[in-house]
Amino acid sequence: MTESGNKDKNNTNISFDESKSKSSSEKVFGDVSRAYTTIMCRIGDKLNLFKKLESNGPASSMELAKLADIDERYLILFANDYRILISIFLSVNMYGLK
């Protein structure tokens, strides 16, 4: 644990605990990742993307867009965000961030 001490204008000693700061940052990052995961899953569920994939099997973006009756462009944007989200989620779990 590293602490760096400074004095404020009243000459009071102020300390900064790096380990507590890192722990708090990791918690915030994990919480934001989980919130974003929930939002993305809700969007995919609302668009019936997961049900369409489950019932029809693997599909190209064009095929899935037709099945879900959405514009392929928006499906690709969703898929890219979801892919990034999964990478973040795996990183959070891999490095033990909470």
C-alpha atoms as a PDB file:
ATOM      1  CA  MET A   1       0.000   0.000   0.000  1.00  0.00           C
ATOM      2  CA  THR A   2       1.497   3.271  -1.086  1.00  0.00           C
ATOM      3  CA  GLU A   3       0.380   6.496   0.478  1.00  0.00           C
ATOM      4  CA  SER A   4       1.453   9.911  -0.583  1.00  0.00           C
ATOM      5  CA  GLY A   5       0.925  12.714   1.881  1.00  0.00           C
ATOM      6  CA  ASN A   6       0.247  16.330   1.055  1.00  0.00           C
ATOM      7  CA  LYS A   7      -0.878  19.246   3.098  1.00  0.00           C
ATOM      8  CA  ASP A   8      -3.883  21.357   2.257  1.00  0.00           C
ATOM      9  CA  LYS A   9      -4.170  25.137   2.773  1.00  0.00           C
ATOM     10  CA  ASN A  10      -4.852  24.631   6.517  1.00  0.00           C
ATOM     11  CA  ASN A  11      -1.646  22.613   6.821  1.00  0.00           C
ATOM     12  CA  THR A  12      -3.680  19.456   7.486  1.00  0.00           C
ATOM     13  CA  ASN A  13      -2.075  16.237   6.327  1.00  0.00           C
ATOM     14  CA  ILE A  14      -3.975  14.630   3.438  1.00  0.00           C
ATOM     15  CA  SER A  15      -3.135  11.093   2.424  1.00  0.00           C
ATOM     16  CA  PHE A  16      -3.978   9.210  -0.731  1.00  0.00           C
ATOM     17  CA  ASP A  17      -4.256   5.446  -0.582  1.00  0.00           C
ATOM     18  CA  GLU A  18      -3.492   4.077  -4.054  1.00  0.00           C
ATOM     19  CA  SER A  19      -4.746   0.566  -3.269  1.00  0.00           C
ATOM     20  CA  LYS A  20      -8.145   1.906  -2.146  1.00  0.00           C
ATOM     21  CA  SER A  21      -8.306   4.083  -5.232  1.00  0.00           C
ATOM     22  CA  LYS A  22      -7.482   1.147  -7.511  1.00  0.00           C
ATOM     23  CA  SER A  23     -10.055  -1.026  -5.749  1.00  0.00           C
ATOM     24  CA  SER A  24     -12.722   1.661  -6.177  1.00  0.00           C
ATOM     25  CA  SER A  25     -11.834   2.162  -9.836  1.00  0.00           C
ATOM     26  CA  GLU A  26     -12.080  -1.577 -10.494  1.00  0.00           C
ATOM     27  CA  LYS A  27     -15.467  -1.715  -8.786  1.00  0.00           C
ATOM     28  CA  VAL A  28     -16.791   1.196 -10.845  1.00  0.00           C
ATOM     29  CA  PHE A  29     -15.435  -0.360 -14.062  1.00  0.00           C
ATOM     30  CA  GLY A  30     -17.070  -3.696 -13.197  1.00  0.00           C
ATOM     31  CA  ASP A  31     -20.381  -2.040 -12.316  1.00  0.00           C
ATOM     32  CA  VAL A  32     -20.439  -0.050 -15.566  1.00  0.00           C
ATOM     33  CA  SER A  33     -19.578  -3.179 -17.560  1.00  0.00           C
ATOM     34  CA  ARG A  34     -22.400  -5.128 -15.937  1.00  0.00           C
ATOM     35  CA  ALA A  35     -24.878  -2.289 -16.490  1.00  0.00           C
ATOM     36  CA  TYR A  36     -23.903  -2.048 -20.164  1.00  0.00           C
ATOM     37  CA  THR A  37     -24.224  -5.843 -20.497  1.00  0.00           C
ATOM     38  CA  THR A  38     -27.748  -5.661 -19.107  1.00  0.00           C
ATOM     39  CA  ILE A  39     -28.713  -2.887 -21.517  1.00  0.00           C
ATOM     40  CA  MET A  40     -27.269  -4.694 -24.547  1.00  0.00           C
ATOM     41  CA  CYS A  41     -28.958  -7.971 -23.602  1.00  0.00           C
ATOM     42  CA  ARG A  42     -32.257  -6.139 -23.173  1.00  0.00           C
ATOM     43  CA  ILE A  43     -31.923  -4.574 -26.632  1.00  0.00           C
ATOM     44  CA  GLY A  44     -31.069  -7.941 -28.204  1.00  0.00           C
ATOM     45  CA  ASP A  45     -33.999  -9.538 -26.412  1.00  0.00           C
ATOM     46  CA  LYS A  46     -36.406  -6.763 -27.417  1.00  0.00           C
ATOM     47  CA  LEU A  47     -35.336  -7.193 -31.061  1.00  0.00           C
ATOM     48  CA  ASN A  48     -35.765 -10.986 -30.718  1.00  0.00           C
ATOM     49  CA  LEU A  49     -32.220 -11.497 -31.977  1.00  0.00           C
ATOM     50  CA  PHE A  50     -31.391 -14.255 -29.517  1.00  0.00           C
ATOM     51  CA  LYS A  51     -34.646 -16.152 -30.183  1.00  0.00           C
ATOM     52  CA  LYS A  52     -34.125 -15.891 -33.940  1.00  0.00           C
ATOM     53  CA  LEU A  53     -30.587 -17.257 -33.626  1.00  0.00           C
ATOM     54  CA  GLU A  54     -31.761 -20.024 -31.321  1.00  0.00           C
ATOM     55  CA  SER A  55     -34.570 -21.141 -33.626  1.00  0.00           C
ATOM     56  CA  ASN A  56     -32.753 -20.666 -36.960  1.00  0.00           C
ATOM     57  CA  GLY A  57     -29.134 -21.371 -36.055  1.00  0.00           C
ATOM     58  CA  PRO A  58     -26.140 -19.353 -37.271  1.00  0.00           C
ATOM     59  CA  ALA A  59     -26.960 -16.551 -39.695  1.00  0.00           C
ATOM     60  CA  SER A  60     -25.199 -13.797 -41.578  1.00  0.00           C
ATOM     61  CA  SER A  61     -25.994 -10.225 -40.638  1.00  0.00           C
ATOM     62  CA  MET A  62     -28.216  -9.921 -43.700  1.00  0.00           C
ATOM     63  CA  GLU A  63     -30.116 -13.135 -42.865  1.00  0.00           C
ATOM     64  CA  LEU A  64     -30.577 -12.232 -39.214  1.00  0.00           C
ATOM     65  CA  ALA A  65     -31.677  -8.698 -40.073  1.00  0.00           C
ATOM     66  CA  LYS A  66     -34.356 -10.119 -42.382  1.00  0.00           C
ATOM     67  CA  LEU A  67     -35.467 -12.632 -39.739  1.00  0.00           C
ATOM     68  CA  ALA A  68     -35.699  -9.937 -37.068  1.00  0.00           C
ATOM     69  CA  ASP A  69     -37.184  -7.394 -39.503  1.00  0.00           C
ATOM     70  CA  ILE A  70     -34.566  -4.734 -38.758  1.00  0.00           C
ATOM     71  CA  ASP A  71     -32.122  -2.812 -40.919  1.00  0.00           C
ATOM     72  CA  GLU A  72     -28.857  -4.718 -41.347  1.00  0.00           C
ATOM     73  CA  ARG A  73     -26.875  -1.571 -40.578  1.00  0.00           C
ATOM     74  CA  TYR A  74     -28.317  -1.387 -37.057  1.00  0.00           C
ATOM     75  CA  LEU A  75     -27.761  -5.086 -36.520  1.00  0.00           C
ATOM     76  CA  ILE A  76     -24.081  -4.683 -37.421  1.00  0.00           C
ATOM     77  CA  LEU A  77     -23.753  -1.742 -35.010  1.00  0.00           C
ATOM     78  CA  PHE A  78     -25.413  -3.807 -32.277  1.00  0.00           C
ATOM     79  CA  ALA A  79     -23.168  -6.813 -33.000  1.00  0.00           C
ATOM     80  CA  ASN A  80     -20.009  -4.683 -32.855  1.00  0.00           C
ATOM     81  CA  ASP A  81     -21.028  -3.157 -29.524  1.00  0.00           C
ATOM     82  CA  TYR A  82     -21.969  -6.586 -28.210  1.00  0.00           C
ATOM     83  CA  ARG A  83     -18.620  -8.037 -29.330  1.00  0.00           C
ATOM     84  CA  ILE A  84     -16.743  -5.248 -27.538  1.00  0.00           C
ATOM     85  CA  LEU A  85     -18.932  -5.761 -24.496  1.00  0.00           C
ATOM     86  CA  ILE A  86     -18.121  -9.481 -24.361  1.00  0.00           C
ATOM     87  CA  SER A  87     -14.397  -8.656 -24.608  1.00  0.00           C
ATOM     88  CA  ILE A  88     -14.697  -6.241 -21.693  1.00  0.00           C
ATOM     89  CA  PHE A  89     -16.745  -8.731 -19.689  1.00  0.00           C
ATOM     90  CA  LEU A  90     -14.164 -11.473 -20.257  1.00  0.00           C
ATOM     91  CA  SER A  91     -11.347  -9.095 -19.289  1.00  0.00           C
ATOM     92  CA  VAL A  92     -13.132  -8.126 -16.101  1.00  0.00           C
ATOM     93  CA  ASN A  93     -13.581 -11.780 -15.170  1.00  0.00           C
ATOM     94  CA  MET A  94     -10.104 -12.855 -16.341  1.00  0.00           C
ATOM     95  CA  TYR A  95      -8.310 -10.282 -14.230  1.00  0.00           C
ATOM     96  CA  GLY A  96     -10.558 -10.790 -11.226  1.00  0.00           C
ATOM     97  CA  LEU A  97     -11.981  -7.286 -11.236  1.00  0.00           C
ATOM     98  CA  LYS A  98     -15.141  -7.038  -9.150  1.00  0.00           C
END
